[in-house]
Amino acid sequence: DIFLAPSAFLQETGKAHWEILLKARAIENQCYMIAAAQWGPHHEKRTSYGHSMVVDPWGKTVAEIGEGTGLIFAEIDPEEINKVRARLPSLQHRRKGIY
């Protein structure tokens, strides 16, 4: 029901892919994504994108830190998971014997 995704995306790939990948994972797995992301320079050739966030099972950003360090809080609502799974019952169509 909750996936954790620690990361250190580079600036370029973070701007292009970070948010959309987290939302896609939340939607396709119908779960909350909690993504802690390193931010800032590591050395002269590497800077991480940051943007730690929490995404709900419908793909909505619940909480986010932009650039910089910080702390975010988000309510994780188990009932929201049930509502999404009722509206979009795709997980019921898994064929467990295949994969």
Protein backbone atom coordinates (compact mmCIF):
# COMPACT_ATOMS: atom_id res chain seq x y z
CA ASP A 1 0.00 0.00 0.00
CA ILE A 2 3.02 2.29 0.44
CA PHE A 3 6.17 2.24 -1.68
CA LEU A 4 9.34 4.03 -0.59
CA ALA A 5 11.65 5.44 -3.26
CA PRO A 6 14.90 6.98 -2.02
CA SER A 7 16.83 8.60 -4.83
CA ALA A 8 19.51 10.94 -6.09
CA PHE A 9 18.34 11.96 -9.58
CA LEU A 10 20.64 14.30 -11.44
CA GLN A 11 19.34 17.80 -12.25
CA GLU A 12 18.63 17.06 -15.92
CA THR A 13 16.88 13.71 -15.44
CA GLY A 14 15.13 14.89 -12.30
CA LYS A 15 13.51 17.84 -14.05
CA ALA A 16 12.41 15.64 -16.93
CA HIS A 17 11.39 12.40 -15.20
CA TRP A 18 11.21 12.50 -11.39
CA GLU A 19 7.63 13.62 -10.80
CA ILE A 20 6.08 11.77 -13.72
CA LEU A 21 7.77 8.49 -12.79
CA LEU A 22 6.58 8.73 -9.18
CA LYS A 23 3.03 9.49 -10.28
CA ALA A 24 3.10 6.61 -12.76
CA ARG A 25 4.28 4.17 -10.07
CA ALA A 26 1.56 5.37 -7.67
CA ILE A 27 -1.17 5.03 -10.31
CA GLU A 28 -0.13 1.67 -11.74
CA ASN A 29 0.33 0.11 -8.29
CA GLN A 30 -2.56 1.99 -6.70
CA CYS A 31 -0.44 2.89 -3.72
CA TYR A 32 1.14 5.85 -1.99
CA MET A 33 4.66 6.74 -3.11
CA ILE A 34 6.92 8.30 -0.51
CA ALA A 35 10.02 9.54 -2.26
CA ALA A 36 12.97 10.97 -0.35
CA ALA A 37 15.36 12.67 -2.74
CA GLN A 38 18.89 13.91 -2.19
CA TRP A 39 19.37 17.55 -3.09
CA GLY A 40 22.31 19.73 -3.95
CA PRO A 41 25.93 19.36 -5.00
CA HIS A 42 27.90 16.22 -4.18
CA HIS A 43 31.04 17.46 -5.94
CA GLU A 44 31.84 19.68 -8.94
CA LYS A 45 30.38 17.22 -11.48
CA ARG A 46 27.26 16.00 -9.68
CA THR A 47 24.25 17.85 -8.34
CA SER A 48 21.09 16.05 -7.26
CA TYR A 49 17.65 17.35 -8.16
CA GLY A 50 15.83 16.95 -4.83
CA HIS A 51 12.06 17.46 -4.79
CA SER A 52 11.13 14.88 -2.15
CA MET A 53 7.43 14.15 -2.42
CA VAL A 54 4.44 12.04 -1.43
CA VAL A 55 2.01 10.97 -4.17
CA ASP A 56 -1.38 9.36 -3.54
CA PRO A 57 -2.78 6.31 -5.40
CA TRP A 58 -4.63 8.55 -7.89
CA GLY A 59 -1.38 10.31 -8.83
CA LYS A 60 -2.00 13.52 -6.90
CA THR A 61 0.96 15.16 -5.17
CA VAL A 62 0.09 15.28 -1.47
CA ALA A 63 3.29 16.93 -0.22
CA GLU A 64 6.54 18.14 -1.78
CA ILE A 65 9.76 19.92 -0.98
CA GLY A 66 11.16 21.86 -3.90
CA GLU A 67 14.83 22.62 -3.74
CA GLY A 68 16.63 22.58 -0.45
CA THR A 69 16.50 20.54 2.68
CA GLY A 70 13.41 20.16 4.78
CA LEU A 71 10.76 17.95 6.22
CA ILE A 72 7.31 17.19 4.85
CA PHE A 73 4.28 15.61 6.41
CA ALA A 74 1.43 13.91 4.59
CA GLU A 75 -1.62 12.03 5.73
CA ILE A 76 -1.71 8.46 4.43
CA ASP A 77 -5.36 7.50 4.12
CA PRO A 78 -5.95 3.73 3.78
CA GLU A 79 -9.52 4.46 2.69
CA GLU A 80 -8.20 6.46 -0.27
CA ILE A 81 -6.34 3.35 -1.44
CA ASN A 82 -9.59 1.35 -1.25
CA LYS A 83 -11.53 4.05 -3.14
CA VAL A 84 -8.98 4.15 -5.96
CA ARG A 85 -8.87 0.37 -6.21
CA ALA A 86 -12.68 0.28 -6.44
CA ARG A 87 -12.73 2.96 -9.16
CA LEU A 88 -9.93 1.38 -11.15
CA PRO A 89 -9.85 -2.38 -10.45
CA SER A 90 -6.84 -3.11 -12.67
CA LEU A 91 -4.97 -5.04 -9.96
CA GLN A 92 -7.76 -7.64 -10.03
CA HIS A 93 -6.75 -8.53 -13.59
CA ARG A 94 -3.26 -9.72 -12.74
CA ARG A 95 -2.46 -13.18 -13.98
CA LYS A 96 -0.31 -14.47 -11.16
CA GLY A 97 0.70 -17.69 -12.92
CA ILE A 98 2.40 -15.74 -15.72
CA TYR A 99 4.73 -13.52 -13.71
